[in-house]
Amino acid sequence: RGSVISVRKKIIHFIWTGPDCGIMQKSKGATSSGAFREAFPGCALYVQIKDPEDLNEASLESKLRAAGGAHQPKEFDWTNKPVE
């Protein structure tokens, strides 16, 4: 187990609403989000972003761990580089 490297890609769906987004635009985004989920099944996480500060590695890692099961990874690689 110690020498095994398992790489699993996780897809995260972001919905940007922004600070000036009105209620009608937010509801349209929620409606189209359902269509997106049907078209692209298998997203590990759906995150609504209102502030750019919400989009950081620590916050996303926390949400991925909360959505994950019992077998948690040691770390998340945010570099998108191939594993050697």
PDB file of N, CA and C in Angstrom:
ATOM      1  N   ARG A   1       0.814  -1.194   0.000  1.00  0.00           N
ATOM      2  CA  ARG A   1       0.000   0.000   0.000  1.00  0.00           C
ATOM      3  C   ARG A   1       0.856   1.255   0.000  1.00  0.00           C
ATOM      4  N   GLY A   2       1.974   1.232   0.691  1.00  0.00           N
ATOM      5  CA  GLY A   2       2.816   2.417   0.791  1.00  0.00           C
ATOM      6  C   GLY A   2       3.441   2.838  -0.519  1.00  0.00           C
ATOM      7  N   SER A   3       3.689   1.894  -1.438  1.00  0.00           N
ATOM      8  CA  SER A   3       4.352   2.234  -2.694  1.00  0.00           C
ATOM      9  C   SER A   3       3.382   2.375  -3.857  1.00  0.00           C
ATOM     10  N   VAL A   4       2.106   2.220  -3.623  1.00  0.00           N
ATOM     11  CA  VAL A   4       1.117   2.313  -4.684  1.00  0.00           C
ATOM     12  C   VAL A   4       0.686   3.766  -4.871  1.00  0.00           C
ATOM     13  N   ILE A   5       0.720   4.208  -6.113  1.00  0.00           N
ATOM     14  CA  ILE A   5       0.254   5.554  -6.440  1.00  0.00           C
ATOM     15  C   ILE A   5      -1.039   5.413  -7.222  1.00  0.00           C
ATOM     16  N   SER A   6      -2.070   5.993  -6.713  1.00  0.00           N
ATOM     17  CA  SER A   6      -3.371   5.971  -7.367  1.00  0.00           C
ATOM     18  C   SER A   6      -3.742   7.402  -7.729  1.00  0.00           C
ATOM     19  N   VAL A   7      -3.986   7.642  -9.015  1.00  0.00           N
ATOM     20  CA  VAL A   7      -4.333   8.978  -9.474  1.00  0.00           C
ATOM     21  C   VAL A   7      -5.775   8.958  -9.961  1.00  0.00           C
ATOM     22  N   ARG A   8      -6.572   9.806  -9.379  1.00  0.00           N
ATOM     23  CA  ARG A   8      -7.971   9.922  -9.783  1.00  0.00           C
ATOM     24  C   ARG A   8      -8.276  11.391 -10.048  1.00  0.00           C
ATOM     25  N   LYS A   9      -8.717  11.649 -11.247  1.00  0.00           N
ATOM     26  CA  LYS A   9      -9.054  13.031 -11.602  1.00  0.00           C
ATOM     27  C   LYS A   9     -10.447  13.334 -11.077  1.00  0.00           C
ATOM     28  N   LYS A  10     -10.608  14.525 -10.547  1.00  0.00           N
ATOM     29  CA  LYS A  10     -11.887  14.983 -10.028  1.00  0.00           C
ATOM     30  C   LYS A  10     -12.336  16.187 -10.836  1.00  0.00           C
ATOM     31  N   ILE A  11     -13.569  16.155 -11.269  1.00  0.00           N
ATOM     32  CA  ILE A  11     -14.136  17.276 -12.016  1.00  0.00           C
ATOM     33  C   ILE A  11     -14.963  18.115 -11.053  1.00  0.00           C
ATOM     34  N   ILE A  12     -14.690  19.405 -11.042  1.00  0.00           N
ATOM     35  CA  ILE A  12     -15.421  20.332 -10.184  1.00  0.00           C
ATOM     36  C   ILE A  12     -16.181  21.306 -11.080  1.00  0.00           C
ATOM     37  N   HIS A  13     -17.471  21.425 -10.844  1.00  0.00           N
ATOM     38  CA  HIS A  13     -18.318  22.333 -11.609  1.00  0.00           C
ATOM     39  C   HIS A  13     -18.464  23.624 -10.805  1.00  0.00           C
ATOM     40  N   PHE A  14     -18.023  24.723 -11.383  1.00  0.00           N
ATOM     41  CA  PHE A  14     -18.103  26.029 -10.730  1.00  0.00           C
ATOM     42  C   PHE A  14     -19.229  26.848 -11.341  1.00  0.00           C
ATOM     43  N   ILE A  15     -19.970  27.505 -10.497  1.00  0.00           N
ATOM     44  CA  ILE A  15     -20.983  28.457 -10.946  1.00  0.00           C
ATOM     45  C   ILE A  15     -20.595  29.807 -10.358  1.00  0.00           C
ATOM     46  N   TRP A  16     -20.256  30.744 -11.230  1.00  0.00           N
ATOM     47  CA  TRP A  16     -19.858  32.084 -10.787  1.00  0.00           C
ATOM     48  C   TRP A  16     -21.095  32.975 -10.791  1.00  0.00           C
ATOM     49  N   THR A  17     -21.463  33.506  -9.640  1.00  0.00           N
ATOM     50  CA  THR A  17     -22.595  34.415  -9.569  1.00  0.00           C
ATOM     51  C   THR A  17     -22.131  35.848  -9.389  1.00  0.00           C
ATOM     52  N   GLY A  18     -21.036  36.044  -8.714  1.00  0.00           N
ATOM     53  CA  GLY A  18     -20.498  37.389  -8.554  1.00  0.00           C
ATOM     54  C   GLY A  18     -21.281  38.218  -7.550  1.00  0.00           C
ATOM     55  N   PRO A  19     -20.671  39.276  -7.063  1.00  0.00           N
ATOM     56  CA  PRO A  19     -21.306  40.089  -6.021  1.00  0.00           C
ATOM     57  C   PRO A  19     -22.485  40.919  -6.527  1.00  0.00           C
ATOM     58  N   ASP A  20     -22.515  41.227  -7.817  1.00  0.00           N
ATOM     59  CA  ASP A  20     -23.577  42.083  -8.353  1.00  0.00           C
ATOM     60  C   ASP A  20     -24.680  41.291  -9.059  1.00  0.00           C
ATOM     61  N   CYS A  21     -24.654  39.979  -8.930  1.00  0.00           N
ATOM     62  CA  CYS A  21     -25.634  39.136  -9.598  1.00  0.00           C
ATOM     63  C   CYS A  21     -26.975  39.220  -8.880  1.00  0.00           C
ATOM     64  N   GLY A  22     -28.021  39.511  -9.631  1.00  0.00           N
ATOM     65  CA  GLY A  22     -29.353  39.634  -9.052  1.00  0.00           C
ATOM     66  C   GLY A  22     -30.014  38.281  -8.846  1.00  0.00           C
ATOM     67  N   ILE A  23     -31.155  38.304  -8.193  1.00  0.00           N
ATOM     68  CA  ILE A  23     -31.868  37.067  -7.871  1.00  0.00           C
ATOM     69  C   ILE A  23     -32.316  36.343  -9.135  1.00  0.00           C
ATOM     70  N   MET A  24     -32.788  37.065 -10.138  1.00  0.00           N
ATOM     71  CA  MET A  24     -33.257  36.440 -11.381  1.00  0.00           C
ATOM     72  C   MET A  24     -32.111  35.733 -12.110  1.00  0.00           C
ATOM     73  N   GLN A  25     -30.945  36.359 -12.149  1.00  0.00           N
ATOM     74  CA  GLN A  25     -29.800  35.729 -12.797  1.00  0.00           C
ATOM     75  C   GLN A  25     -29.358  34.488 -12.026  1.00  0.00           C
ATOM     76  N   LYS A  26     -29.396  34.558 -10.705  1.00  0.00           N
ATOM     77  CA  LYS A  26     -29.019  33.397  -9.892  1.00  0.00           C
ATOM     78  C   LYS A  26     -29.972  32.238 -10.131  1.00  0.00           C
ATOM     79  N   SER A  27     -31.261  32.526 -10.254  1.00  0.00           N
ATOM     80  CA  SER A  27     -32.225  31.457 -10.490  1.00  0.00           C
ATOM     81  C   SER A  27     -32.042  30.853 -11.879  1.00  0.00           C
ATOM     82  N   LYS A  28     -31.708  31.677 -12.868  1.00  0.00           N
ATOM     83  CA  LYS A  28     -31.423  31.150 -14.210  1.00  0.00           C
ATOM     84  C   LYS A  28     -30.181  30.257 -14.176  1.00  0.00           C
ATOM     85  N   GLY A  29     -29.202  30.664 -13.394  1.00  0.00           N
ATOM     86  CA  GLY A  29     -27.993  29.838 -13.252  1.00  0.00           C
ATOM     87  C   GLY A  29     -28.293  28.502 -12.605  1.00  0.00           C
ATOM     88  N   ALA A  30     -29.161  28.510 -11.607  1.00  0.00           N
ATOM     89  CA  ALA A  30     -29.534  27.259 -10.932  1.00  0.00           C
ATOM     90  C   ALA A  30     -30.272  26.336 -11.888  1.00  0.00           C
ATOM     91  N   THR A  31     -31.126  26.906 -12.740  1.00  0.00           N
ATOM     92  CA  THR A  31     -31.868  26.109 -13.710  1.00  0.00           C
ATOM     93  C   THR A  31     -30.925  25.487 -14.738  1.00  0.00           C
ATOM     94  N   SER A  32     -30.016  26.275 -15.265  1.00  0.00           N
ATOM     95  CA  SER A  32     -29.088  25.747 -16.272  1.00  0.00           C
ATOM     96  C   SER A  32     -28.080  24.790 -15.644  1.00  0.00           C
ATOM     97  N   SER A  33     -27.846  24.908 -14.354  1.00  0.00           N
ATOM     98  CA  SER A  33     -26.934  23.989 -13.673  1.00  0.00           C
ATOM     99  C   SER A  33     -27.474  22.565 -13.722  1.00  0.00           C
ATOM    100  N   GLY A  34     -28.796  22.405 -13.604  1.00  0.00           N
ATOM    101  CA  GLY A  34     -29.400  21.077 -13.702  1.00  0.00           C
ATOM    102  C   GLY A  34     -29.164  20.464 -15.071  1.00  0.00           C
ATOM    103  N   ALA A  35     -29.279  21.267 -16.121  1.00  0.00           N
ATOM    104  CA  ALA A  35     -29.017  20.782 -17.481  1.00  0.00           C
ATOM    105  C   ALA A  35     -27.548  20.394 -17.635  1.00  0.00           C
ATOM    106  N   PHE A  36     -26.676  21.169 -17.020  1.00  0.00           N
ATOM    107  CA  PHE A  36     -25.244  20.854 -17.080  1.00  0.00           C
ATOM    108  C   PHE A  36     -24.970  19.514 -16.398  1.00  0.00           C
ATOM    109  N   ARG A  37     -25.598  19.281 -15.249  1.00  0.00           N
ATOM    110  CA  ARG A  37     -25.395  18.028 -14.511  1.00  0.00           C
ATOM    111  C   ARG A  37     -25.845  16.832 -15.330  1.00  0.00           C
ATOM    112  N   GLU A  38     -26.929  16.994 -16.081  1.00  0.00           N
ATOM    113  CA  GLU A  38     -27.403  15.894 -16.932  1.00  0.00           C
ATOM    114  C   GLU A  38     -26.452  15.655 -18.102  1.00  0.00           C
ATOM    115  N   ALA A  39     -25.938  16.727 -18.679  1.00  0.00           N
ATOM    116  CA  ALA A  39     -25.047  16.615 -19.836  1.00  0.00           C
ATOM    117  C   ALA A  39     -23.658  16.117 -19.458  1.00  0.00           C
ATOM    118  N   PHE A  40     -23.200  16.448 -18.248  1.00  0.00           N
ATOM    119  CA  PHE A  40     -21.868  16.070 -17.792  1.00  0.00           C
ATOM    120  C   PHE A  40     -21.952  15.375 -16.440  1.00  0.00           C
ATOM    121  N   PRO A  41     -22.395  14.129 -16.429  1.00  0.00           N
ATOM    122  CA  PRO A  41     -22.497  13.423 -15.144  1.00  0.00           C
ATOM    123  C   PRO A  41     -21.115  13.081 -14.598  1.00  0.00           C
ATOM    124  N   GLY A  42     -21.042  12.879 -13.319  1.00  0.00           N
ATOM    125  CA  GLY A  42     -19.782  12.444 -12.725  1.00  0.00           C
ATOM    126  C   GLY A  42     -18.944  13.539 -12.094  1.00  0.00           C
ATOM    127  N   CYS A  43     -19.478  14.735 -11.980  1.00  0.00           N
ATOM    128  CA  CYS A  43     -18.729  15.780 -11.286  1.00  0.00           C
ATOM    129  C   CYS A  43     -18.611  15.410  -9.814  1.00  0.00           C
ATOM    130  N   ALA A  44     -17.433  15.578  -9.272  1.00  0.00           N
ATOM    131  CA  ALA A  44     -17.204  15.245  -7.868  1.00  0.00           C
ATOM    132  C   ALA A  44     -17.770  16.309  -6.947  1.00  0.00           C
ATOM    133  N   LEU A  45     -17.901  17.522  -7.466  1.00  0.00           N
ATOM    134  CA  LEU A  45     -18.294  18.631  -6.607  1.00  0.00           C
ATOM    135  C   LEU A  45     -18.932  19.738  -7.437  1.00  0.00           C
ATOM    136  N   TYR A  46     -19.955  20.357  -6.875  1.00  0.00           N
ATOM    137  CA  TYR A  46     -20.598  21.518  -7.477  1.00  0.00           C
ATOM    138  C   TYR A  46     -20.426  22.680  -6.513  1.00  0.00           C
ATOM    139  N   VAL A  47     -19.798  23.751  -6.984  1.00  0.00           N
ATOM    140  CA  VAL A  47     -19.471  24.879  -6.098  1.00  0.00           C
ATOM    141  C   VAL A  47     -19.993  26.170  -6.710  1.00  0.00           C
ATOM    142  N   GLN A  48     -20.732  26.935  -5.917  1.00  0.00           N
ATOM    143  CA  GLN A  48     -21.171  28.255  -6.348  1.00  0.00           C
ATOM    144  C   GLN A  48     -20.215  29.284  -5.763  1.00  0.00           C
ATOM    145  N   ILE A  49     -19.646  30.098  -6.630  1.00  0.00           N
ATOM    146  CA  ILE A  49     -18.655  31.095  -6.238  1.00  0.00           C
ATOM    147  C   ILE A  49     -19.285  32.482  -6.319  1.00  0.00           C
ATOM    148  N   LYS A  50     -19.224  33.209  -5.213  1.00  0.00           N
ATOM    149  CA  LYS A  50     -19.737  34.585  -5.190  1.00  0.00           C
ATOM    150  C   LYS A  50     -18.602  35.594  -5.127  1.00  0.00           C
ATOM    151  N   ASP A  51     -17.472  35.135  -4.621  1.00  0.00           N
ATOM    152  CA  ASP A  51     -16.331  36.021  -4.407  1.00  0.00           C
ATOM    153  C   ASP A  51     -15.076  35.271  -4.854  1.00  0.00           C
ATOM    154  N   PRO A  52     -14.168  35.912  -5.574  1.00  0.00           N
ATOM    155  CA  PRO A  52     -12.945  35.233  -6.008  1.00  0.00           C
ATOM    156  C   PRO A  52     -12.148  34.614  -4.851  1.00  0.00           C
ATOM    157  N   GLU A  53     -12.311  35.154  -3.658  1.00  0.00           N
ATOM    158  CA  GLU A  53     -11.599  34.623  -2.491  1.00  0.00           C
ATOM    159  C   GLU A  53     -12.096  33.218  -2.128  1.00  0.00           C
ATOM    160  N   ASP A  54     -13.326  32.875  -2.565  1.00  0.00           N
ATOM    161  CA  ASP A  54     -13.873  31.542  -2.301  1.00  0.00           C
ATOM    162  C   ASP A  54     -13.164  30.465  -3.118  1.00  0.00           C
ATOM    163  N   LEU A  55     -12.463  30.900  -4.154  1.00  0.00           N
ATOM    164  CA  LEU A  55     -11.805  29.970  -5.068  1.00  0.00           C
ATOM    165  C   LEU A  55     -10.342  29.823  -4.683  1.00  0.00           C
ATOM    166  N   ASN A  56     -10.077  28.952  -3.694  1.00  0.00           N
ATOM    167  CA  ASN A  56      -8.699  28.697  -3.290  1.00  0.00           C
ATOM    168  C   ASN A  56      -8.538  27.211  -2.992  1.00  0.00           C
ATOM    169  N   GLU A  57      -7.317  26.733  -3.011  1.00  0.00           N
ATOM    170  CA  GLU A  57      -7.040  25.309  -2.852  1.00  0.00           C
ATOM    171  C   GLU A  57      -7.541  24.763  -1.517  1.00  0.00           C
ATOM    172  N   ALA A  58      -7.348  25.499  -0.433  1.00  0.00           N
ATOM    173  CA  ALA A  58      -7.752  25.013   0.895  1.00  0.00           C
ATOM    174  C   ALA A  58      -9.260  24.810   0.966  1.00  0.00           C
ATOM    175  N   SER A  59     -10.014  25.756   0.439  1.00  0.00           N
ATOM    176  CA  SER A  59     -11.471  25.654   0.455  1.00  0.00           C
ATOM    177  C   SER A  59     -11.948  24.493  -0.408  1.00  0.00           C
ATOM    178  N   LEU A  60     -11.373  24.369  -1.613  1.00  0.00           N
ATOM    179  CA  LEU A  60     -11.770  23.280  -2.501  1.00  0.00           C
ATOM    180  C   LEU A  60     -11.384  21.922  -1.933  1.00  0.00           C
ATOM    181  N   GLU A  61     -10.195  21.826  -1.341  1.00  0.00           N
ATOM    182  CA  GLU A  61      -9.776  20.555  -0.740  1.00  0.00           C
ATOM    183  C   GLU A  61     -10.718  20.168   0.393  1.00  0.00           C
ATOM    184  N   SER A  62     -11.102  21.119   1.210  1.00  0.00           N
ATOM    185  CA  SER A  62     -12.034  20.850   2.305  1.00  0.00           C
ATOM    186  C   SER A  62     -13.365  20.331   1.770  1.00  0.00           C
ATOM    187  N   LYS A  63     -13.872  20.940   0.709  1.00  0.00           N
ATOM    188  CA  LYS A  63     -15.141  20.517   0.120  1.00  0.00           C
ATOM    189  C   LYS A  63     -15.022  19.150  -0.547  1.00  0.00           C
ATOM    190  N   LEU A  64     -13.892  18.879  -1.204  1.00  0.00           N
ATOM    191  CA  LEU A  64     -13.687  17.569  -1.813  1.00  0.00           C
ATOM    192  C   LEU A  64     -13.611  16.477  -0.750  1.00  0.00           C
ATOM    193  N   ARG A  65     -12.930  16.756   0.344  1.00  0.00           N
ATOM    194  CA  ARG A  65     -12.838  15.773   1.429  1.00  0.00           C
ATOM    195  C   ARG A  65     -14.204  15.523   2.057  1.00  0.00           C
ATOM    196  N   ALA A  66     -15.002  16.574   2.205  1.00  0.00           N
ATOM    197  CA  ALA A  66     -16.346  16.417   2.779  1.00  0.00           C
ATOM    198  C   ALA A  66     -17.247  15.594   1.859  1.00  0.00           C
ATOM    199  N   ALA A  67     -17.057  15.741   0.540  1.00  0.00           N
ATOM    200  CA  ALA A  67     -17.875  15.008  -0.424  1.00  0.00           C
ATOM    201  C   ALA A  67     -17.358  13.593  -0.664  1.00  0.00           C
ATOM    202  N   GLY A  68     -16.117  13.324  -0.252  1.00  0.00           N
ATOM    203  CA  GLY A  68     -15.519  12.018  -0.484  1.00  0.00           C
ATOM    204  C   GLY A  68     -15.978  10.979   0.518  1.00  0.00           C
ATOM    205  N   GLY A  69     -15.543   9.781   0.286  1.00  0.00           N
ATOM    206  CA  GLY A  69     -15.917   8.679   1.163  1.00  0.00           C
ATOM    207  C   GLY A  69     -14.880   8.428   2.233  1.00  0.00           C
ATOM    208  N   ALA A  70     -14.802   7.172   2.640  1.00  0.00           N
ATOM    209  CA  ALA A  70     -13.911   6.784   3.739  1.00  0.00           C
ATOM    210  C   ALA A  70     -12.446   6.772   3.324  1.00  0.00           C
ATOM    211  N   HIS A  71     -12.166   6.517   2.058  1.00  0.00           N
ATOM    212  CA  HIS A  71     -10.775   6.416   1.593  1.00  0.00           C
ATOM    213  C   HIS A  71     -10.306   7.772   1.079  1.00  0.00           C
ATOM    214  N   GLN A  72      -9.734   8.540   1.967  1.00  0.00           N
ATOM    215  CA  GLN A  72      -9.287   9.891   1.637  1.00  0.00           C
ATOM    216  C   GLN A  72      -7.869   9.869   1.075  1.00  0.00           C
ATOM    217  N   PRO A  73      -7.579  10.711   0.089  1.00  0.00           N
ATOM    218  CA  PRO A  73      -6.209  10.799  -0.420  1.00  0.00           C
ATOM    219  C   PRO A  73      -5.310  11.513   0.580  1.00  0.00           C
ATOM    220  N   LYS A  74      -4.012  11.256   0.453  1.00  0.00           N
ATOM    221  CA  LYS A  74      -3.048  11.957   1.307  1.00  0.00           C
ATOM    222  C   LYS A  74      -2.990  13.433   0.934  1.00  0.00           C
ATOM    223  N   GLU A  75      -3.087  13.697  -0.370  1.00  0.00           N
ATOM    224  CA  GLU A  75      -2.998  15.078  -0.836  1.00  0.00           C
ATOM    225  C   GLU A  75      -3.700  15.220  -2.176  1.00  0.00           C
ATOM    226  N   PHE A  76      -3.979  16.452  -2.544  1.00  0.00           N
ATOM    227  CA  PHE A  76      -4.525  16.764  -3.853  1.00  0.00           C
ATOM    228  C   PHE A  76      -3.450  17.489  -4.646  1.00  0.00           C
ATOM    229  N   ASP A  77      -3.284  17.092  -5.893  1.00  0.00           N
ATOM    230  CA  ASP A  77      -2.307  17.725  -6.769  1.00  0.00           C
ATOM    231  C   ASP A  77      -3.037  18.703  -7.677  1.00  0.00           C
ATOM    232  N   TRP A  78      -2.794  19.989  -7.501  1.00  0.00           N
ATOM    233  CA  TRP A  78      -3.494  21.009  -8.262  1.00  0.00           C
ATOM    234  C   TRP A  78      -2.696  21.450  -9.500  1.00  0.00           C
ATOM    235  N   THR A  79      -1.560  20.798  -9.766  1.00  0.00           N
ATOM    236  CA  THR A  79      -0.686  21.248 -10.853  1.00  0.00           C
ATOM    237  C   THR A  79      -1.074  20.708 -12.212  1.00  0.00           C
ATOM    238  N   ASN A  80      -1.823  19.608 -12.257  1.00  0.00           N
ATOM    239  CA  ASN A  80      -2.241  18.993 -13.519  1.00  0.00           C
ATOM    240  C   ASN A  80      -1.060  18.465 -14.323  1.00  0.00           C
ATOM    241  N   LYS A  81       0.023  18.099 -13.638  1.00  0.00           N
ATOM    242  CA  LYS A  81       1.181  17.525 -14.292  1.00  0.00           C
ATOM    243  C   LYS A  81       1.051  16.003 -14.319  1.00  0.00           C
ATOM    244  N   PRO A  82       1.630  15.346 -15.336  1.00  0.00           N
ATOM    245  CA  PRO A  82       1.564  13.887 -15.376  1.00  0.00           C
ATOM    246  C   PRO A  82       2.352  13.272 -14.209  1.00  0.00           C
ATOM    247  N   VAL A  83       1.867  12.137 -13.708  1.00  0.00           N
ATOM    248  CA  VAL A  83       2.529  11.425 -12.624  1.00  0.00           C
ATOM    249  C   VAL A  83       3.571  10.500 -13.232  1.00  0.00           C
ATOM    250  N   GLU A  84       4.764  10.541 -12.674  1.00  0.00           N
ATOM    251  CA  GLU A  84       5.851   9.698 -13.194  1.00  0.00           C
ATOM    252  C   GLU A  84       5.968   8.430 -12.396  1.00  0.00           C
TER     253      GLU A  84
END
